[in-house]
Amino acid sequence: MIRVVIDTSVLVSALWTEHGAEASVLNLIVDGKLVWCVSENVLAEYAVTLNRPKFQHLDLRKIAAALALARSGQMTMVTGRLNDSPHEPDNRFYECARTAQADYLVTGNRKHFPKDRPPTKIVNARQLLAALNK
């Protein structure tokens, strides 16, 4: 099974545009074709971000469903810290990916994730979908 860590930017985009590539990634998780790897810090980042005033126009039921889907993912117990991203909060996603041995870390902010950390490849949603269709 393909294991993924989903950056907050992808989650927000999936909620914003239900027919985009990011939403397609979440649909693959719902369909059981991908395993969503999460950690306590990643779940906290999702909750904090989605509760910001600038996202108050998003459907609260969709936010609740997305957070429930994330919580139903594979919980990863991160034991070490990383400093790979210039954007400090994004290091929590690197840490989750490393501990989970995720195949992909999916992000819309490649500049915050400058390097792959094998076995994890850093991709955007379109790149993930293309890789899965090979």
N, C-alpha and C. Protein backbone atom coordinates (compact mmCIF):
# COMPACT_ATOMS: atom_id res chain seq x y z
N MET A 1 0.85 -1.18 0.00
CA MET A 1 0.00 0.00 0.00
C MET A 1 0.89 1.25 0.00
N ILE A 2 0.50 2.24 -0.75
CA ILE A 2 1.26 3.48 -0.87
C ILE A 2 0.92 4.38 0.31
N ARG A 3 1.97 4.85 0.98
CA ARG A 3 1.82 5.66 2.18
C ARG A 3 2.14 7.12 1.85
N VAL A 4 1.27 8.02 2.29
CA VAL A 4 1.45 9.44 2.00
C VAL A 4 1.30 10.27 3.26
N VAL A 5 2.04 11.37 3.28
CA VAL A 5 1.85 12.43 4.27
C VAL A 5 1.33 13.62 3.48
N ILE A 6 0.27 14.22 3.96
CA ILE A 6 -0.39 15.33 3.26
C ILE A 6 -0.10 16.64 3.98
N ASP A 7 0.54 17.56 3.27
CA ASP A 7 0.80 18.89 3.81
C ASP A 7 -0.52 19.65 3.94
N THR A 8 -0.56 20.57 4.86
CA THR A 8 -1.78 21.35 5.11
C THR A 8 -2.26 22.08 3.86
N SER A 9 -1.34 22.56 3.03
CA SER A 9 -1.74 23.28 1.81
C SER A 9 -2.58 22.40 0.89
N VAL A 10 -2.28 21.11 0.86
CA VAL A 10 -3.04 20.18 0.02
C VAL A 10 -4.43 19.96 0.62
N LEU A 11 -4.49 19.84 1.93
CA LEU A 11 -5.78 19.65 2.60
C LEU A 11 -6.68 20.87 2.37
N VAL A 12 -6.13 22.06 2.52
CA VAL A 12 -6.91 23.28 2.30
C VAL A 12 -7.38 23.36 0.85
N SER A 13 -6.50 23.07 -0.09
CA SER A 13 -6.88 23.11 -1.51
C SER A 13 -7.97 22.10 -1.83
N ALA A 14 -7.89 20.92 -1.22
CA ALA A 14 -8.92 19.90 -1.45
C ALA A 14 -10.28 20.37 -0.96
N LEU A 15 -10.30 21.11 0.14
CA LEU A 15 -11.55 21.63 0.67
C LEU A 15 -12.06 22.81 -0.15
N TRP A 16 -11.14 23.55 -0.72
CA TRP A 16 -11.47 24.74 -1.48
C TRP A 16 -12.05 24.39 -2.84
N THR A 17 -11.43 23.41 -3.52
CA THR A 17 -11.82 23.02 -4.87
C THR A 17 -12.06 21.53 -4.90
N GLU A 18 -13.31 21.13 -4.86
CA GLU A 18 -13.63 19.71 -4.73
C GLU A 18 -13.35 18.87 -5.96
N HIS A 19 -13.03 19.50 -7.09
CA HIS A 19 -12.74 18.73 -8.30
C HIS A 19 -11.29 18.85 -8.73
N GLY A 20 -10.43 19.37 -7.88
CA GLY A 20 -9.03 19.53 -8.22
C GLY A 20 -8.20 18.29 -7.91
N ALA A 21 -6.93 18.36 -8.24
CA ALA A 21 -6.01 17.25 -8.01
C ALA A 21 -5.90 16.92 -6.52
N GLU A 22 -5.91 17.94 -5.69
CA GLU A 22 -5.79 17.72 -4.25
C GLU A 22 -6.99 16.93 -3.71
N ALA A 23 -8.19 17.28 -4.19
CA ALA A 23 -9.39 16.54 -3.79
C ALA A 23 -9.31 15.10 -4.29
N SER A 24 -8.74 14.90 -5.46
CA SER A 24 -8.58 13.54 -6.00
C SER A 24 -7.68 12.71 -5.10
N VAL A 25 -6.66 13.32 -4.53
CA VAL A 25 -5.78 12.60 -3.60
C VAL A 25 -6.58 12.16 -2.37
N LEU A 26 -7.38 13.05 -1.82
CA LEU A 26 -8.20 12.66 -0.66
C LEU A 26 -9.19 11.57 -1.03
N ASN A 27 -9.74 11.64 -2.24
CA ASN A 27 -10.67 10.59 -2.68
C ASN A 27 -9.98 9.23 -2.75
N LEU A 28 -8.71 9.21 -3.15
CA LEU A 28 -7.96 7.94 -3.18
C LEU A 28 -7.77 7.39 -1.77
N ILE A 29 -7.63 8.29 -0.80
CA ILE A 29 -7.54 7.86 0.60
C ILE A 29 -8.87 7.27 1.04
N VAL A 30 -9.96 7.96 0.74
CA VAL A 30 -11.30 7.47 1.09
C VAL A 30 -11.54 6.10 0.46
N ASP A 31 -11.09 5.92 -0.79
CA ASP A 31 -11.28 4.66 -1.51
C ASP A 31 -10.33 3.55 -1.05
N GLY A 32 -9.44 3.86 -0.11
CA GLY A 32 -8.54 2.86 0.41
C GLY A 32 -7.34 2.56 -0.49
N LYS A 33 -7.05 3.44 -1.42
CA LYS A 33 -5.94 3.22 -2.35
C LYS A 33 -4.64 3.85 -1.86
N LEU A 34 -4.74 4.72 -0.87
CA LEU A 34 -3.57 5.34 -0.25
C LEU A 34 -3.74 5.27 1.26
N VAL A 35 -2.64 5.19 1.98
CA VAL A 35 -2.66 5.25 3.44
C VAL A 35 -2.18 6.63 3.85
N TRP A 36 -3.01 7.36 4.58
CA TRP A 36 -2.68 8.70 5.05
C TRP A 36 -1.95 8.56 6.37
N CYS A 37 -0.69 8.90 6.40
CA CYS A 37 0.13 8.83 7.61
C CYS A 37 0.08 10.18 8.31
N VAL A 38 -0.19 10.15 9.60
CA VAL A 38 -0.31 11.38 10.39
C VAL A 38 0.45 11.20 11.70
N SER A 39 0.66 12.31 12.37
CA SER A 39 1.22 12.31 13.73
C SER A 39 0.39 13.30 14.54
N GLU A 40 0.59 13.30 15.83
CA GLU A 40 -0.14 14.27 16.67
C GLU A 40 0.15 15.70 16.23
N ASN A 41 1.42 16.00 15.91
CA ASN A 41 1.77 17.35 15.48
C ASN A 41 1.14 17.71 14.14
N VAL A 42 1.08 16.76 13.24
CA VAL A 42 0.45 17.01 11.94
C VAL A 42 -1.05 17.27 12.13
N LEU A 43 -1.70 16.45 12.93
CA LEU A 43 -3.14 16.65 13.19
C LEU A 43 -3.38 18.01 13.84
N ALA A 44 -2.51 18.41 14.76
CA ALA A 44 -2.65 19.72 15.41
C ALA A 44 -2.49 20.85 14.39
N GLU A 45 -1.54 20.71 13.48
CA GLU A 45 -1.33 21.72 12.44
C GLU A 45 -2.57 21.85 11.54
N TYR A 46 -3.16 20.73 11.17
CA TYR A 46 -4.39 20.76 10.37
C TYR A 46 -5.48 21.54 11.11
N ALA A 47 -5.70 21.20 12.37
CA ALA A 47 -6.77 21.82 13.15
C ALA A 47 -6.55 23.31 13.31
N VAL A 48 -5.34 23.71 13.66
CA VAL A 48 -5.03 25.13 13.86
C VAL A 48 -5.25 25.90 12.55
N THR A 49 -4.73 25.37 11.47
CA THR A 49 -4.83 26.07 10.18
C THR A 49 -6.28 26.18 9.73
N LEU A 50 -7.03 25.09 9.80
CA LEU A 50 -8.41 25.11 9.30
C LEU A 50 -9.34 25.94 10.17
N ASN A 51 -8.91 26.26 11.38
CA ASN A 51 -9.74 27.10 12.25
C ASN A 51 -9.36 28.57 12.18
N ARG A 52 -8.45 28.94 11.27
CA ARG A 52 -8.10 30.35 11.10
C ARG A 52 -9.26 31.11 10.47
N PRO A 53 -9.42 32.38 10.84
CA PRO A 53 -10.52 33.18 10.28
C PRO A 53 -10.54 33.23 8.75
N LYS A 54 -9.39 33.20 8.11
CA LYS A 54 -9.39 33.31 6.64
C LYS A 54 -10.02 32.09 5.97
N PHE A 55 -10.24 31.01 6.72
CA PHE A 55 -10.88 29.83 6.16
C PHE A 55 -12.31 29.64 6.66
N GLN A 56 -12.87 30.67 7.29
CA GLN A 56 -14.21 30.54 7.86
C GLN A 56 -15.29 30.35 6.81
N HIS A 57 -14.98 30.67 5.55
CA HIS A 57 -15.96 30.49 4.49
C HIS A 57 -16.07 29.04 4.03
N LEU A 58 -15.10 28.19 4.42
CA LEU A 58 -15.17 26.78 4.06
C LEU A 58 -16.31 26.10 4.83
N ASP A 59 -16.91 25.13 4.21
CA ASP A 59 -18.01 24.39 4.80
C ASP A 59 -17.52 23.64 6.05
N LEU A 60 -18.11 23.95 7.19
CA LEU A 60 -17.68 23.34 8.45
C LEU A 60 -17.85 21.82 8.45
N ARG A 61 -18.85 21.32 7.74
CA ARG A 61 -19.04 19.86 7.65
C ARG A 61 -17.91 19.22 6.87
N LYS A 62 -17.45 19.90 5.82
CA LYS A 62 -16.33 19.36 5.04
C LYS A 62 -15.04 19.38 5.86
N ILE A 63 -14.86 20.46 6.62
CA ILE A 63 -13.67 20.53 7.49
C ILE A 63 -13.71 19.40 8.51
N ALA A 64 -14.86 19.20 9.15
CA ALA A 64 -15.00 18.14 10.14
C ALA A 64 -14.76 16.77 9.51
N ALA A 65 -15.28 16.55 8.32
CA ALA A 65 -15.08 15.27 7.63
C ALA A 65 -13.62 15.06 7.27
N ALA A 66 -12.95 16.12 6.81
CA ALA A 66 -11.54 16.01 6.45
C ALA A 66 -10.69 15.71 7.68
N LEU A 67 -10.98 16.38 8.79
CA LEU A 67 -10.22 16.13 10.02
C LEU A 67 -10.49 14.72 10.55
N ALA A 68 -11.72 14.25 10.42
CA ALA A 68 -12.04 12.88 10.84
C ALA A 68 -11.30 11.87 9.97
N LEU A 69 -11.24 12.14 8.67
CA LEU A 69 -10.49 11.26 7.77
C LEU A 69 -9.01 11.24 8.15
N ALA A 70 -8.46 12.40 8.45
CA ALA A 70 -7.06 12.47 8.86
C ALA A 70 -6.84 11.68 10.15
N ARG A 71 -7.72 11.84 11.11
CA ARG A 71 -7.58 11.12 12.38
C ARG A 71 -7.71 9.61 12.21
N SER A 72 -8.39 9.19 11.14
CA SER A 72 -8.53 7.75 10.89
C SER A 72 -7.32 7.19 10.15
N GLY A 73 -6.37 8.05 9.81
CA GLY A 73 -5.17 7.60 9.12
C GLY A 73 -4.26 6.81 10.04
N GLN A 74 -3.13 6.40 9.51
CA GLN A 74 -2.17 5.64 10.30
C GLN A 74 -1.39 6.59 11.20
N MET A 75 -1.57 6.43 12.50
CA MET A 75 -0.89 7.30 13.47
C MET A 75 0.58 6.90 13.56
N THR A 76 1.43 7.89 13.45
CA THR A 76 2.87 7.71 13.50
C THR A 76 3.39 8.37 14.77
N MET A 77 4.16 7.63 15.54
CA MET A 77 4.71 8.16 16.78
C MET A 77 6.12 8.70 16.51
N VAL A 78 6.21 9.98 16.25
CA VAL A 78 7.48 10.62 15.91
C VAL A 78 8.35 10.70 17.16
N THR A 79 9.60 10.29 17.01
CA THR A 79 10.51 10.29 18.15
C THR A 79 11.68 11.26 17.99
N GLY A 80 11.93 11.73 16.79
CA GLY A 80 13.06 12.63 16.58
C GLY A 80 12.65 13.89 15.86
N ARG A 81 13.49 14.90 15.95
CA ARG A 81 13.22 16.18 15.30
C ARG A 81 14.08 16.32 14.06
N LEU A 82 13.55 17.03 13.06
CA LEU A 82 14.30 17.33 11.84
C LEU A 82 14.30 18.83 11.62
N ASN A 83 15.25 19.29 10.85
CA ASN A 83 15.34 20.70 10.51
C ASN A 83 15.63 20.84 9.02
N ASP A 84 14.83 20.17 8.19
CA ASP A 84 15.05 20.15 6.75
C ASP A 84 14.35 21.29 6.02
N SER A 85 13.31 21.84 6.60
CA SER A 85 12.53 22.88 5.95
C SER A 85 12.89 24.26 6.48
N PRO A 86 12.96 25.26 5.60
CA PRO A 86 13.19 26.62 6.07
C PRO A 86 11.97 27.18 6.81
N HIS A 87 10.82 26.55 6.63
CA HIS A 87 9.59 26.94 7.33
C HIS A 87 9.40 25.95 8.48
N GLU A 88 9.78 26.34 9.66
CA GLU A 88 9.88 25.44 10.81
C GLU A 88 8.67 24.52 11.00
N PRO A 89 7.43 25.01 10.93
CA PRO A 89 6.30 24.09 11.15
C PRO A 89 6.26 22.92 10.15
N ASP A 90 6.82 23.11 8.97
CA ASP A 90 6.80 22.04 7.97
C ASP A 90 7.75 20.91 8.30
N ASN A 91 8.64 21.12 9.24
CA ASN A 91 9.50 20.03 9.68
C ASN A 91 8.70 18.91 10.34
N ARG A 92 7.52 19.24 10.89
CA ARG A 92 6.67 18.21 11.48
C ARG A 92 6.21 17.21 10.42
N PHE A 93 6.01 17.68 9.19
CA PHE A 93 5.60 16.80 8.10
C PHE A 93 6.76 15.91 7.66
N TYR A 94 7.95 16.50 7.59
CA TYR A 94 9.16 15.70 7.30
C TYR A 94 9.34 14.61 8.36
N GLU A 95 9.15 14.98 9.62
CA GLU A 95 9.33 14.02 10.71
C GLU A 95 8.33 12.88 10.61
N CYS A 96 7.09 13.21 10.31
CA CYS A 96 6.06 12.20 10.15
C CYS A 96 6.40 11.28 8.98
N ALA A 97 6.80 11.86 7.87
CA ALA A 97 7.14 11.06 6.68
C ALA A 97 8.31 10.13 6.97
N ARG A 98 9.33 10.64 7.67
CA ARG A 98 10.49 9.80 7.98
C ARG A 98 10.10 8.63 8.87
N THR A 99 9.36 8.92 9.93
CA THR A 99 8.98 7.87 10.87
C THR A 99 8.06 6.84 10.22
N ALA A 100 7.14 7.30 9.38
CA ALA A 100 6.20 6.42 8.72
C ALA A 100 6.80 5.70 7.51
N GLN A 101 8.01 6.13 7.12
CA GLN A 101 8.61 5.61 5.89
C GLN A 101 7.64 5.79 4.72
N ALA A 102 7.06 6.99 4.65
CA ALA A 102 6.08 7.30 3.61
C ALA A 102 6.72 7.30 2.24
N ASP A 103 5.94 6.89 1.26
CA ASP A 103 6.41 6.90 -0.12
C ASP A 103 6.44 8.32 -0.67
N TYR A 104 5.44 9.13 -0.25
CA TYR A 104 5.32 10.49 -0.77
C TYR A 104 4.92 11.45 0.34
N LEU A 105 5.46 12.66 0.26
CA LEU A 105 4.98 13.80 1.02
C LEU A 105 4.38 14.72 -0.03
N VAL A 106 3.08 14.96 0.07
CA VAL A 106 2.35 15.71 -0.94
C VAL A 106 2.15 17.14 -0.45
N THR A 107 2.63 18.11 -1.23
CA THR A 107 2.58 19.51 -0.82
C THR A 107 2.26 20.41 -2.00
N GLY A 108 1.72 21.55 -1.70
CA GLY A 108 1.53 22.61 -2.68
C GLY A 108 2.59 23.69 -2.53
N ASN A 109 3.46 23.53 -1.54
CA ASN A 109 4.49 24.52 -1.23
C ASN A 109 5.87 23.89 -1.33
N ARG A 110 6.28 23.58 -2.53
CA ARG A 110 7.57 22.88 -2.72
C ARG A 110 8.74 23.65 -2.11
N LYS A 111 8.66 24.98 -2.08
CA LYS A 111 9.78 25.76 -1.52
C LYS A 111 9.99 25.47 -0.05
N HIS A 112 8.95 25.01 0.65
CA HIS A 112 9.08 24.67 2.07
C HIS A 112 9.60 23.25 2.26
N PHE A 113 9.64 22.49 1.18
CA PHE A 113 10.12 21.10 1.22
C PHE A 113 11.17 20.94 0.14
N PRO A 114 12.37 21.49 0.38
CA PRO A 114 13.38 21.59 -0.67
C PRO A 114 14.03 20.29 -1.12
N LYS A 115 13.94 19.23 -0.30
CA LYS A 115 14.64 18.02 -0.71
C LYS A 115 13.87 16.76 -0.33
N ASP A 116 14.01 15.75 -1.19
CA ASP A 116 13.47 14.44 -0.86
C ASP A 116 14.26 13.91 0.32
N ARG A 117 13.63 13.05 1.07
CA ARG A 117 14.29 12.38 2.19
C ARG A 117 13.96 10.90 2.03
N PRO A 118 14.81 10.19 1.24
CA PRO A 118 14.51 8.79 0.89
C PRO A 118 14.10 7.98 2.10
N PRO A 119 13.06 7.15 1.96
CA PRO A 119 12.42 6.76 0.70
C PRO A 119 11.31 7.71 0.24
N THR A 120 11.12 8.81 0.94
CA THR A 120 10.01 9.72 0.64
C THR A 120 10.36 10.68 -0.48
N LYS A 121 9.45 10.76 -1.46
CA LYS A 121 9.59 11.73 -2.55
C LYS A 121 8.65 12.90 -2.26
N ILE A 122 9.12 14.11 -2.51
CA ILE A 122 8.30 15.30 -2.33
C ILE A 122 7.63 15.58 -3.67
N VAL A 123 6.30 15.61 -3.67
CA VAL A 123 5.54 15.82 -4.91
C VAL A 123 4.35 16.73 -4.63
N ASN A 124 3.81 17.31 -5.71
CA ASN A 124 2.52 17.98 -5.56
C ASN A 124 1.43 16.97 -5.92
N ALA A 125 0.19 17.36 -5.79
CA ALA A 125 -0.92 16.42 -6.01
C ALA A 125 -0.93 15.90 -7.44
N ARG A 126 -0.70 16.76 -8.42
CA ARG A 126 -0.69 16.31 -9.82
C ARG A 126 0.42 15.30 -10.08
N GLN A 127 1.60 15.55 -9.51
CA GLN A 127 2.71 14.62 -9.69
C GLN A 127 2.39 13.27 -9.05
N LEU A 128 1.74 13.27 -7.89
CA LEU A 128 1.36 12.02 -7.26
C LEU A 128 0.38 11.26 -8.15
N LEU A 129 -0.64 11.96 -8.65
CA LEU A 129 -1.63 11.30 -9.49
C LEU A 129 -0.97 10.73 -10.74
N ALA A 130 -0.05 11.47 -11.32
CA ALA A 130 0.66 10.97 -12.52
C ALA A 130 1.49 9.73 -12.17
N ALA A 131 2.17 9.74 -11.02
CA ALA A 131 2.98 8.60 -10.62
C ALA A 131 2.12 7.36 -10.38
N LEU A 132 0.94 7.56 -9.85
CA LEU A 132 0.04 6.43 -9.57
C LEU A 132 -0.56 5.86 -10.84
N ASN A 133 -0.63 6.67 -11.88
CA ASN A 133 -1.23 6.22 -13.15
C ASN A 133 -0.23 5.56 -14.08
N LYS A 134 1.02 5.43 -13.66
CA LYS A 134 2.04 4.80 -14.51
C LYS A 134 1.86 3.31 -14.56
